[in-house]
PDB file of N, CA and C in Angstrom:
ATOM      1  N   UNK A   1     -10.049  -4.589 -99.519  1.00  0.00           N
ATOM      2  CA  UNK A   1     -11.178  -5.352-100.038  1.00  0.00           C
ATOM      3  C   UNK A   1     -10.774  -6.130-101.294  1.00  0.00           C
ATOM      4  N   UNK A   2      -9.789  -5.621-101.993  1.00  0.00           N
ATOM      5  CA  UNK A   2      -9.344  -6.329-103.192  1.00  0.00           C
ATOM      6  C   UNK A   2      -8.699  -7.662-102.826  1.00  0.00           C
ATOM      7  N   UNK A   3      -8.117  -7.756-101.627  1.00  0.00           N
ATOM      8  CA  UNK A   3      -7.534  -9.017-101.193  1.00  0.00           C
ATOM      9  C   UNK A   3      -8.603 -10.089-101.032  1.00  0.00           C
ATOM     10  N   UNK A   4      -9.797  -9.713-100.510  1.00  0.00           N
ATOM     11  CA  UNK A   4     -10.885 -10.670-100.337  1.00  0.00           C
ATOM     12  C   UNK A   4     -11.408 -11.166-101.678  1.00  0.00           C
ATOM     13  N   UNK A   5     -11.540 -10.286-102.644  1.00  0.00           N
ATOM     14  CA  UNK A   5     -12.058 -10.704-103.948  1.00  0.00           C
ATOM     15  C   UNK A   5     -11.058 -11.595-104.671  1.00  0.00           C
ATOM     16  N   UNK A   6      -9.759 -11.324-104.488  1.00  0.00           N
ATOM     17  CA  UNK A   6      -8.746 -12.177-105.108  1.00  0.00           C
ATOM     18  C   UNK A   6      -8.768 -13.566-104.487  1.00  0.00           C
ATOM     19  N   UNK A   7      -8.944 -13.654-103.180  1.00  0.00           N
ATOM     20  CA  UNK A   7      -8.972 -14.962-102.531  1.00  0.00           C
ATOM     21  C   UNK A   7     -10.223 -15.735-102.928  1.00  0.00           C
ATOM     22  N   UNK A   8     -11.357 -15.053-103.127  1.00  0.00           N
ATOM     23  CA  UNK A   8     -12.567 -15.731-103.589  1.00  0.00           C
ATOM     24  C   UNK A   8     -12.380 -16.261-105.003  1.00  0.00           C
ATOM     25  N   UNK A   9     -11.731 -15.469-105.860  1.00  0.00           N
ATOM     26  CA  UNK A   9     -11.489 -15.915-107.234  1.00  0.00           C
ATOM     27  C   UNK A   9     -10.561 -17.125-107.255  1.00  0.00           C
ATOM     28  N   UNK A  10      -9.534 -17.112-106.428  1.00  0.00           N
ATOM     29  CA  UNK A  10      -8.604 -18.241-106.373  1.00  0.00           C
ATOM     30  C   UNK A  10      -9.275 -19.479-105.784  1.00  0.00           C
ATOM     31  N   UNK A  11     -10.209 -19.291-104.894  1.00  0.00           N
ATOM     32  CA  UNK A  11     -10.915 -20.411-104.282  1.00  0.00           C
ATOM     33  C   UNK A  11     -11.756 -21.176-105.287  1.00  0.00           C
ATOM     34  N   UNK A  12     -12.286 -20.486-106.294  1.00  0.00           N
ATOM     35  CA  UNK A  12     -13.086 -21.154-107.320  1.00  0.00           C
ATOM     36  C   UNK A  12     -12.257 -22.155-108.119  1.00  0.00           C
ATOM     37  N   UNK A  13     -10.981 -21.856-108.273  1.00  0.00           N
ATOM     38  CA  UNK A  13     -10.124 -22.741-109.052  1.00  0.00           C
ATOM     39  C   UNK A  13      -9.739 -23.993-108.285  1.00  0.00           C
ATOM     40  N   UNK A  14      -9.922 -23.986-106.992  1.00  0.00           N
ATOM     41  CA  UNK A  14      -9.538 -25.126-106.179  1.00  0.00           C
ATOM     42  C   UNK A  14     -10.655 -26.153-106.040  1.00  0.00           C
ATOM     43  N   UNK A  15     -11.827 -25.866-106.585  1.00  0.00           N
ATOM     44  CA  UNK A  15     -12.925 -26.826-106.535  1.00  0.00           C
ATOM     45  C   UNK A  15     -12.627 -27.924-107.549  1.00  0.00           C
ATOM     46  N   UNK A  16     -12.648 -29.154-107.077  1.00  0.00           N
ATOM     47  CA  UNK A  16     -12.302 -30.285-107.938  1.00  0.00           C
ATOM     48  C   UNK A  16     -13.317 -31.397-107.724  1.00  0.00           C
ATOM     49  N   UNK A  17     -13.854 -31.892-108.810  1.00  0.00           N
ATOM     50  CA  UNK A  17     -14.742 -33.048-108.723  1.00  0.00           C
ATOM     51  C   UNK A  17     -13.961 -34.271-109.155  1.00  0.00           C
ATOM     52  N   UNK A  18     -14.082 -35.318-108.400  1.00  0.00           N
ATOM     53  CA  UNK A  18     -13.338 -36.536-108.677  1.00  0.00           C
ATOM     54  C   UNK A  18     -14.098 -37.383-109.695  1.00  0.00           C
ATOM     55  N   UNK A  19     -13.555 -37.467-110.906  1.00  0.00           N
ATOM     56  CA  UNK A  19     -14.165 -38.267-111.966  1.00  0.00           C
ATOM     57  C   UNK A  19     -13.444 -39.596-112.162  1.00  0.00           C
ATOM     58  N   UNK A  20     -12.577 -39.944-111.268  1.00  0.00           N
ATOM     59  CA  UNK A  20     -11.837 -41.197-111.379  1.00  0.00           C
ATOM     60  C   UNK A  20     -12.798 -42.368-111.182  1.00  0.00           C
ATOM     61  N   UNK A  21     -12.566 -43.467-111.890  1.00  0.00           N
ATOM     62  CA  UNK A  21     -13.442 -44.632-111.703  1.00  0.00           C
ATOM     63  C   UNK A  21     -13.253 -45.225-110.310  1.00  0.00           C
ATOM     64  N   UNK A  22     -14.298 -45.814-109.815  1.00  0.00           N
ATOM     65  CA  UNK A  22     -14.206 -46.443-108.500  1.00  0.00           C
ATOM     66  C   UNK A  22     -13.356 -47.704-108.600  1.00  0.00           C
ATOM     67  N   UNK A  23     -12.806 -48.118-107.479  1.00  0.00           N
ATOM     68  CA  UNK A  23     -12.005 -49.336-107.456  1.00  0.00           C
ATOM     69  C   UNK A  23     -12.914 -50.540-107.665  1.00  0.00           C
ATOM     70  N   UNK A  24     -12.426 -51.501-108.406  1.00  0.00           N
ATOM     71  CA  UNK A  24     -13.199 -52.721-108.619  1.00  0.00           C
ATOM     72  C   UNK A  24     -12.252 -53.897-108.755  1.00  0.00           C
ATOM     73  N   UNK A  25     -12.750 -55.040-108.432  1.00  0.00           N
ATOM     74  CA  UNK A  25     -12.009 -56.283-108.566  1.00  0.00           C
ATOM     75  C   UNK A  25     -12.637 -57.069-109.711  1.00  0.00           C
ATOM     76  N   UNK A  26     -11.860 -57.442-110.736  1.00  0.00           N
ATOM     77  CA  UNK A  26     -12.436 -58.223-111.835  1.00  0.00           C
ATOM     78  C   UNK A  26     -13.035 -59.526-111.311  1.00  0.00           C
ATOM     79  N   UNK A  27     -14.140 -59.945-111.927  1.00  0.00           N
ATOM     80  CA  UNK A  27     -14.846 -61.148-111.490  1.00  0.00           C
ATOM     81  C   UNK A  27     -14.004 -62.387-111.755  1.00  0.00           C
ATOM     82  N   UNK A  28     -13.879 -63.209-110.739  1.00  0.00           N
ATOM     83  CA  UNK A  28     -13.184 -64.492-110.893  1.00  0.00           C
ATOM     84  C   UNK A  28     -14.018 -65.554-110.209  1.00  0.00           C
ATOM     85  N   UNK A  29     -14.478 -66.493-110.996  1.00  0.00           N
ATOM     86  CA  UNK A  29     -15.300 -67.571-110.470  1.00  0.00           C
ATOM     87  C   UNK A  29     -14.390 -68.749-110.135  1.00  0.00           C
ATOM     88  N   UNK A  30     -14.192 -69.072-108.862  1.00  0.00           N
ATOM     89  CA  UNK A  30     -13.286 -70.167-108.515  1.00  0.00           C
ATOM     90  C   UNK A  30     -13.763 -71.519-109.031  1.00  0.00           C
ATOM     91  N   UNK A  31     -15.057 -71.676-109.257  1.00  0.00           N
ATOM     92  CA  UNK A  31     -15.560 -72.950-109.757  1.00  0.00           C
ATOM     93  C   UNK A  31     -15.274 -73.137-111.236  1.00  0.00           C
ATOM     94  N   UNK A  32     -14.998 -72.050-111.966  1.00  0.00           N
ATOM     95  CA  UNK A  32     -14.737 -72.177-113.397  1.00  0.00           C
ATOM     96  C   UNK A  32     -13.308 -72.621-113.670  1.00  0.00           C
ATOM     97  N   UNK A  33     -12.454 -72.567-112.642  1.00  0.00           N
ATOM     98  CA  UNK A  33     -11.071 -72.995-112.813  1.00  0.00           C
ATOM     99  C   UNK A  33     -11.004 -74.470-112.430  1.00  0.00           C
ATOM    100  N   UNK A  34     -11.158 -75.298-113.417  1.00  0.00           N
ATOM    101  CA  UNK A  34     -11.158 -76.738-113.180  1.00  0.00           C
ATOM    102  C   UNK A  34     -10.048 -77.365-114.007  1.00  0.00           C
ATOM    103  N   UNK A  35      -9.540 -78.464-113.541  1.00  0.00           N
ATOM    104  CA  UNK A  35      -8.572 -79.186-114.356  1.00  0.00           C
ATOM    105  C   UNK A  35      -9.343 -80.059-115.336  1.00  0.00           C
ATOM    106  N   UNK A  36      -8.864 -80.076-116.543  1.00  0.00           N
ATOM    107  CA  UNK A  36      -9.518 -80.868-117.584  1.00  0.00           C
ATOM    108  C   UNK A  36      -8.857 -82.237-117.597  1.00  0.00           C
ATOM    109  N   UNK A  37      -9.656 -83.268-117.398  1.00  0.00           N
ATOM    110  CA  UNK A  37      -9.125 -84.623-117.284  1.00  0.00           C
ATOM    111  C   UNK A  37      -8.581 -85.151-118.606  1.00  0.00           C
ATOM    112  N   UNK A  38      -9.289 -84.892-119.680  1.00  0.00           N
ATOM    113  CA  UNK A  38      -8.924 -85.459-120.973  1.00  0.00           C
ATOM    114  C   UNK A  38      -8.071 -84.453-121.742  1.00  0.00           C
ATOM    115  N   UNK A  39      -6.747 -84.587-121.621  1.00  0.00           N
ATOM    116  CA  UNK A  39      -5.867 -83.617-122.268  1.00  0.00           C
ATOM    117  C   UNK A  39      -5.237 -84.156-123.550  1.00  0.00           C
ATOM    118  N   UNK A  40      -5.810 -85.199-124.124  1.00  0.00           N
ATOM    119  CA  UNK A  40      -5.268 -85.740-125.375  1.00  0.00           C
ATOM    120  C   UNK A  40      -5.313 -84.715-126.488  1.00  0.00           C
ATOM    121  N   UNK A  41      -6.364 -83.916-126.503  1.00  0.00           N
ATOM    122  CA  UNK A  41      -6.497 -82.910-127.553  1.00  0.00           C
ATOM    123  C   UNK A  41      -6.538 -81.493-126.999  1.00  0.00           C
ATOM    124  N   UNK A  42      -6.266 -81.340-125.720  1.00  0.00           N
ATOM    125  CA  UNK A  42      -6.302 -80.026-125.092  1.00  0.00           C
ATOM    126  C   UNK A  42      -5.312 -79.064-125.746  1.00  0.00           C
ATOM    127  N   UNK A  43      -4.113 -79.539-126.050  1.00  0.00           N
ATOM    128  CA  UNK A  43      -3.101 -78.677-126.658  1.00  0.00           C
ATOM    129  C   UNK A  43      -3.550 -78.182-128.023  1.00  0.00           C
ATOM    130  N   UNK A  44      -4.329 -78.968-128.752  1.00  0.00           N
ATOM    131  CA  UNK A  44      -4.833 -78.550-130.068  1.00  0.00           C
ATOM    132  C   UNK A  44      -5.839 -77.413-129.894  1.00  0.00           C
ATOM    133  N   UNK A  45      -6.731 -77.557-128.927  1.00  0.00           N
ATOM    134  CA  UNK A  45      -7.721 -76.510-128.674  1.00  0.00           C
ATOM    135  C   UNK A  45      -7.060 -75.214-128.215  1.00  0.00           C
ATOM    136  N   UNK A  46      -6.062 -75.330-127.356  1.00  0.00           N
ATOM    137  CA  UNK A  46      -5.352 -74.134-126.894  1.00  0.00           C
ATOM    138  C   UNK A  46      -4.641 -73.468-128.062  1.00  0.00           C
ATOM    139  N   UNK A  47      -4.037 -74.252-128.951  1.00  0.00           N
ATOM    140  CA  UNK A  47      -3.366 -73.684-130.120  1.00  0.00           C
ATOM    141  C   UNK A  47      -4.372 -72.968-131.023  1.00  0.00           C
ATOM    142  N   UNK A  48      -5.525 -73.581-131.257  1.00  0.00           N
ATOM    143  CA  UNK A  48      -6.549 -72.954-132.106  1.00  0.00           C
ATOM    144  C   UNK A  48      -7.022 -71.638-131.494  1.00  0.00           C
ATOM    145  N   UNK A  49      -7.267 -71.624-130.197  1.00  0.00           N
ATOM    146  CA  UNK A  49      -7.728 -70.396-129.546  1.00  0.00           C
ATOM    147  C   UNK A  49      -6.633 -69.326-129.536  1.00  0.00           C
ATOM    148  N   UNK A  50      -5.385 -69.730-129.375  1.00  0.00           N
ATOM    149  CA  UNK A  50      -4.272 -68.774-129.455  1.00  0.00           C
ATOM    150  C   UNK A  50      -4.152 -68.203-130.861  1.00  0.00           C
ATOM    151  N   UNK A  51      -4.324 -69.052-131.863  1.00  0.00           N
ATOM    152  CA  UNK A  51      -4.289 -68.625-133.262  1.00  0.00           C
ATOM    153  C   UNK A  51      -5.409 -67.621-133.532  1.00  0.00           C
ATOM    154  N   UNK A  52      -6.582 -67.905-132.978  1.00  0.00           N
ATOM    155  CA  UNK A  52      -7.749 -67.028-133.136  1.00  0.00           C
ATOM    156  C   UNK A  52      -7.468 -65.628-132.594  1.00  0.00           C
ATOM    157  N   UNK A  53      -6.917 -65.563-131.384  1.00  0.00           N
ATOM    158  CA  UNK A  53      -6.661 -64.255-130.784  1.00  0.00           C
ATOM    159  C   UNK A  53      -5.453 -63.564-131.395  1.00  0.00           C
ATOM    160  N   UNK A  54      -4.416 -64.314-131.718  1.00  0.00           N
ATOM    161  CA  UNK A  54      -3.185 -63.713-132.259  1.00  0.00           C
ATOM    162  C   UNK A  54      -3.419 -63.081-133.624  1.00  0.00           C
ATOM    163  N   UNK A  55      -4.151 -63.773-134.496  1.00  0.00           N
ATOM    164  CA  UNK A  55      -4.347 -63.284-135.851  1.00  0.00           C
ATOM    165  C   UNK A  55      -5.704 -62.620-136.060  1.00  0.00           C
ATOM    166  N   UNK A  56      -6.468 -62.497-134.982  1.00  0.00           N
ATOM    167  CA  UNK A  56      -7.739 -61.771-135.001  1.00  0.00           C
ATOM    168  C   UNK A  56      -8.655 -62.238-136.137  1.00  0.00           C
ATOM    169  N   UNK A  57      -8.784 -63.559-136.275  1.00  0.00           N
ATOM    170  CA  UNK A  57      -9.683 -64.093-137.299  1.00  0.00           C
ATOM    171  C   UNK A  57     -11.094 -64.179-136.721  1.00  0.00           C
ATOM    172  N   UNK A  58     -12.055 -64.289-137.599  1.00  0.00           N
ATOM    173  CA  UNK A  58     -13.444 -64.290-137.146  1.00  0.00           C
ATOM    174  C   UNK A  58     -13.767 -65.569-136.379  1.00  0.00           C
ATOM    175  N   UNK A  59     -14.804 -65.483-135.585  1.00  0.00           N
ATOM    176  CA  UNK A  59     -15.258 -66.653-134.837  1.00  0.00           C
ATOM    177  C   UNK A  59     -15.764 -67.733-135.797  1.00  0.00           C
ATOM    178  N   UNK A  60     -16.364 -67.299-136.893  1.00  0.00           N
ATOM    179  CA  UNK A  60     -16.853 -68.240-137.911  1.00  0.00           C
ATOM    180  C   UNK A  60     -15.692 -69.034-138.512  1.00  0.00           C
ATOM    181  N   UNK A  61     -14.592 -68.353-138.842  1.00  0.00           N
ATOM    182  CA  UNK A  61     -13.418 -69.026-139.408  1.00  0.00           C
ATOM    183  C   UNK A  61     -12.781 -69.963-138.383  1.00  0.00           C
ATOM    184  N   UNK A  62     -12.766 -69.550-137.130  1.00  0.00           N
ATOM    185  CA  UNK A  62     -12.206 -70.389-136.072  1.00  0.00           C
ATOM    186  C   UNK A  62     -13.047 -71.647-135.890  1.00  0.00           C
ATOM    187  N   UNK A  63     -14.349 -71.502-135.965  1.00  0.00           N
ATOM    188  CA  UNK A  63     -15.221 -72.674-135.848  1.00  0.00           C
ATOM    189  C   UNK A  63     -15.009 -73.628-137.022  1.00  0.00           C
ATOM    190  N   UNK A  64     -14.784 -73.088-138.214  1.00  0.00           N
ATOM    191  CA  UNK A  64     -14.488 -73.932-139.379  1.00  0.00           C
ATOM    192  C   UNK A  64     -13.185 -74.700-139.152  1.00  0.00           C
ATOM    193  N   UNK A  65     -12.187 -74.046-138.558  1.00  0.00           N
ATOM    194  CA  UNK A  65     -10.916 -74.710-138.249  1.00  0.00           C
ATOM    195  C   UNK A  65     -11.119 -75.822-137.221  1.00  0.00           C
ATOM    196  N   UNK A  66     -11.945 -75.576-136.225  1.00  0.00           N
ATOM    197  CA  UNK A  66     -12.240 -76.592-135.208  1.00  0.00           C
ATOM    198  C   UNK A  66     -12.921 -77.801-135.846  1.00  0.00           C
ATOM    199  N   UNK A  67     -13.896 -77.553-136.711  1.00  0.00           N
ATOM    200  CA  UNK A  67     -14.598 -78.654-137.385  1.00  0.00           C
ATOM    201  C   UNK A  67     -13.661 -79.430-138.299  1.00  0.00           C
ATOM    202  N   UNK A  68     -12.762 -78.712-138.978  1.00  0.00           N
ATOM    203  CA  UNK A  68     -11.792 -79.377-139.849  1.00  0.00           C
ATOM    204  C   UNK A  68     -10.861 -80.266-139.026  1.00  0.00           C
ATOM    205  N   UNK A  69     -10.390 -79.770-137.884  1.00  0.00           N
ATOM    206  CA  UNK A  69      -9.508 -80.568-137.031  1.00  0.00           C
ATOM    207  C   UNK A  69     -10.222 -81.814-136.517  1.00  0.00           C
ATOM    208  N   UNK A  70     -11.493 -81.680-136.169  1.00  0.00           N
ATOM    209  CA  UNK A  70     -12.245 -82.863-135.720  1.00  0.00           C
ATOM    210  C   UNK A  70     -12.334 -83.892-136.843  1.00  0.00           C
ATOM    211  N   UNK A  71     -12.587 -83.424-138.053  1.00  0.00           N
ATOM    212  CA  UNK A  71     -12.659 -84.325-139.203  1.00  0.00           C
ATOM    213  C   UNK A  71     -11.335 -85.044-139.418  1.00  0.00           C
ATOM    214  N   UNK A  72     -10.237 -84.305-139.388  1.00  0.00           N
ATOM    215  CA  UNK A  72      -8.908 -84.903-139.582  1.00  0.00           C
ATOM    216  C   UNK A  72      -8.602 -85.905-138.474  1.00  0.00           C
ATOM    217  N   UNK A  73      -8.848 -85.522-137.235  1.00  0.00           N
ATOM    218  CA  UNK A  73      -8.539 -86.401-136.109  1.00  0.00           C
ATOM    219  C   UNK A  73      -9.388 -87.667-136.111  1.00  0.00           C
ATOM    220  N   UNK A  74     -10.650 -87.564-136.459  1.00  0.00           N
ATOM    221  CA  UNK A  74     -11.494 -88.768-136.492  1.00  0.00           C
ATOM    222  C   UNK A  74     -11.127 -89.665-137.668  1.00  0.00           C
ATOM    223  N   UNK A  75     -10.643 -89.091-138.765  1.00  0.00           N
ATOM    224  CA  UNK A  75     -10.189 -89.908-139.899  1.00  0.00           C
ATOM    225  C   UNK A  75      -8.909 -90.658-139.546  1.00  0.00           C
ATOM    226  N   UNK A  76      -8.036 -90.010-138.799  1.00  0.00           N
ATOM    227  CA  UNK A  76      -6.747 -90.616-138.452  1.00  0.00           C
ATOM    228  C   UNK A  76      -6.890 -91.646-137.336  1.00  0.00           C
ATOM    229  N   UNK A  77      -7.570 -91.284-136.264  1.00  0.00           N
ATOM    230  CA  UNK A  77      -7.613 -92.131-135.073  1.00  0.00           C
ATOM    231  C   UNK A  77      -8.999 -92.675-134.769  1.00  0.00           C
ATOM    232  N   UNK A  78      -9.920 -92.541-135.648  1.00  0.00           N
ATOM    233  CA  UNK A  78     -11.274 -93.070-135.520  1.00  0.00           C
ATOM    234  C   UNK A  78     -11.956 -92.600-134.230  1.00  0.00           C
ATOM    235  N   UNK A  79     -12.212 -93.474-133.277  1.00  0.00           N
ATOM    236  CA  UNK A  79     -12.993 -93.136-132.085  1.00  0.00           C
ATOM    237  C   UNK A  79     -12.191 -92.450-130.981  1.00  0.00           C
ATOM    238  N   UNK A  80     -10.876 -92.381-131.121  1.00  0.00           N
ATOM    239  CA  UNK A  80     -10.063 -91.757-130.073  1.00  0.00           C
ATOM    240  C   UNK A  80     -10.413 -90.284-129.867  1.00  0.00           C
ATOM    241  N   UNK A  81     -10.882 -89.623-130.923  1.00  0.00           N
ATOM    242  CA  UNK A  81     -11.169 -88.200-130.836  1.00  0.00           C
ATOM    243  C   UNK A  81     -12.647 -87.888-131.038  1.00  0.00           C
ATOM    244  N   UNK A  82     -13.500 -88.840-130.710  1.00  0.00           N
ATOM    245  CA  UNK A  82     -14.939 -88.605-130.875  1.00  0.00           C
ATOM    246  C   UNK A  82     -15.449 -87.502-129.945  1.00  0.00           C
ATOM    247  N   UNK A  83     -14.741 -87.252-128.832  1.00  0.00           N
ATOM    248  CA  UNK A  83     -15.139 -86.209-127.885  1.00  0.00           C
ATOM    249  C   UNK A  83     -14.547 -84.845-128.221  1.00  0.00           C
ATOM    250  N   UNK A  84     -13.770 -84.750-129.290  1.00  0.00           N
ATOM    251  CA  UNK A  84     -13.210 -83.461-129.697  1.00  0.00           C
ATOM    252  C   UNK A  84     -14.366 -82.539-130.063  1.00  0.00           C
ATOM    253  N   UNK A  85     -14.394 -81.326-129.528  1.00  0.00           N
ATOM    254  CA  UNK A  85     -15.532 -80.428-129.798  1.00  0.00           C
ATOM    255  C   UNK A  85     -15.634 -80.067-131.276  1.00  0.00           C
ATOM    256  N   UNK A  86     -16.862 -79.850-131.732  1.00  0.00           N
ATOM    257  CA  UNK A  86     -17.061 -79.496-133.139  1.00  0.00           C
ATOM    258  C   UNK A  86     -17.667 -78.105-133.305  1.00  0.00           C
ATOM    259  N   UNK A  87     -17.582 -77.289-132.260  1.00  0.00           N
ATOM    260  CA  UNK A  87     -18.090 -75.918-132.354  1.00  0.00           C
ATOM    261  C   UNK A  87     -17.295 -75.013-131.419  1.00  0.00           C
ATOM    262  N   UNK A  88     -17.415 -73.731-131.663  1.00  0.00           N
ATOM    263  CA  UNK A  88     -16.741 -72.744-130.820  1.00  0.00           C
ATOM    264  C   UNK A  88     -17.323 -72.784-129.407  1.00  0.00           C
ATOM    265  N   UNK A  89     -18.634 -72.958-129.305  1.00  0.00           N
ATOM    266  CA  UNK A  89     -19.295 -73.028-128.007  1.00  0.00           C
ATOM    267  C   UNK A  89     -18.731 -74.176-127.168  1.00  0.00           C
ATOM    268  N   UNK A  90     -18.632 -75.370-127.768  1.00  0.00           N
ATOM    269  CA  UNK A  90     -18.123 -76.531-127.035  1.00  0.00           C
ATOM    270  C   UNK A  90     -16.638 -76.394-126.716  1.00  0.00           C
ATOM    271  N   UNK A  91     -15.891 -75.733-127.598  1.00  0.00           N
ATOM    272  CA  UNK A  91     -14.470 -75.495-127.334  1.00  0.00           C
ATOM    273  C   UNK A  91     -14.303 -74.595-126.126  1.00  0.00           C
ATOM    274  N   UNK A  92     -15.065 -73.503-126.087  1.00  0.00           N
ATOM    275  CA  UNK A  92     -14.993 -72.593-124.941  1.00  0.00           C
ATOM    276  C   UNK A  92     -15.433 -73.304-123.661  1.00  0.00           C
ATOM    277  N   UNK A  93     -16.450 -74.142-123.772  1.00  0.00           N
ATOM    278  CA  UNK A  93     -16.933 -74.885-122.605  1.00  0.00           C
ATOM    279  C   UNK A  93     -15.869 -75.871-122.118  1.00  0.00           C
ATOM    280  N   UNK A  94     -15.214 -76.561-123.051  1.00  0.00           N
ATOM    281  CA  UNK A  94     -14.165 -77.515-122.696  1.00  0.00           C
ATOM    282  C   UNK A  94     -12.999 -76.828-122.002  1.00  0.00           C
ATOM    283  N   UNK A  95     -12.630 -75.645-122.500  1.00  0.00           N
ATOM    284  CA  UNK A  95     -11.497 -74.911-121.929  1.00  0.00           C
ATOM    285  C   UNK A  95     -11.889 -74.064-120.724  1.00  0.00           C
ATOM    286  N   UNK A  96     -13.178 -73.980-120.426  1.00  0.00           N
ATOM    287  CA  UNK A  96     -13.641 -73.185-119.291  1.00  0.00           C
ATOM    288  C   UNK A  96     -13.604 -71.695-119.551  1.00  0.00           C
ATOM    289  N   UNK A  97     -13.735 -71.303-120.820  1.00  0.00           N
ATOM    290  CA  UNK A  97     -13.722 -69.886-121.182  1.00  0.00           C
ATOM    291  C   UNK A  97     -15.147 -69.363-121.136  1.00  0.00           C
ATOM    292  N   UNK A  98     -15.355 -68.315-120.346  1.00  0.00           N
ATOM    293  CA  UNK A  98     -16.682 -67.711-120.237  1.00  0.00           C
ATOM    294  C   UNK A  98     -16.569 -66.224-120.495  1.00  0.00           C
ATOM    295  N   UNK A  99     -17.611 -65.659-121.069  1.00  0.00           N
ATOM    296  CA  UNK A  99     -17.657 -64.214-121.266  1.00  0.00           C
ATOM    297  C   UNK A  99     -18.091 -63.576-119.956  1.00  0.00           C
ATOM    298  N   UNK A 100     -17.284 -62.676-119.472  1.00  0.00           N
ATOM    299  CA  UNK A 100     -17.597 -61.935-118.245  1.00  0.00           C
ATOM    300  C   UNK A 100     -17.544 -60.459-118.585  1.00  0.00           C
ATOM    301  N   UNK A 101     -18.609 -59.763-118.298  1.00  0.00           N
ATOM    302  CA  UNK A 101     -18.678 -58.341-118.589  1.00  0.00           C
ATOM    303  C   UNK A 101     -18.758 -57.569-117.288  1.00  0.00           C
ATOM    304  N   UNK A 102     -18.001 -56.510-117.205  1.00  0.00           N
ATOM    305  CA  UNK A 102     -18.004 -55.639-116.037  1.00  0.00           C
ATOM    306  C   UNK A 102     -18.878 -54.436-116.353  1.00  0.00           C
ATOM    307  N   UNK A 103     -19.872 -54.159-115.519  1.00  0.00           N
ATOM    308  CA  UNK A 103     -20.777 -53.033-115.731  1.00  0.00           C
ATOM    309  C   UNK A 103     -20.394 -51.896-114.790  1.00  0.00           C
ATOM    310  N   UNK A 104     -20.357 -50.695-115.331  1.00  0.00           N
ATOM    311  CA  UNK A 104     -20.071 -49.511-114.536  1.00  0.00           C
ATOM    312  C   UNK A 104     -21.269 -48.587-114.613  1.00  0.00           C
ATOM    313  N   UNK A 105     -21.688 -48.077-113.481  1.00  0.00           N
ATOM    314  CA  UNK A 105     -22.822 -47.157-113.431  1.00  0.00           C
ATOM    315  C   UNK A 105     -22.325 -45.813-112.926  1.00  0.00           C
ATOM    316  N   UNK A 106     -22.648 -44.786-113.681  1.00  0.00           N
ATOM    317  CA  UNK A 106     -22.245 -43.441-113.288  1.00  0.00           C
ATOM    318  C   UNK A 106     -23.467 -42.673-112.829  1.00  0.00           C
ATOM    319  N   UNK A 107     -23.343 -42.025-111.728  1.00  0.00           N
ATOM    320  CA  UNK A 107     -24.443 -41.244-111.174  1.00  0.00           C
ATOM    321  C   UNK A 107     -24.205 -39.782-111.398  1.00  0.00           C
TER     322      UNK A 107
END
């Protein structure tokens, strides 16, 4: 009878609940991947956004840098850079950057 009780005790240790997250595919919107026609200042915007992420500066400071660049570019080339964005929102829109959040629900 001791063999049965030992096997029951060992069986309790084999119960396992799977707490691993379910498989998911990150959201990718094919319509958001567009080619930007006006690339005269695209490299400047990409550099500013890279600088923002690399040095972890605030969004407020990054927006000030964007506004400063617009001021400099319009002073130098007048109307050539009138379409250069003057806010973080317009910069993200120009580059096609969108905030995408993945929600997980646990039952």
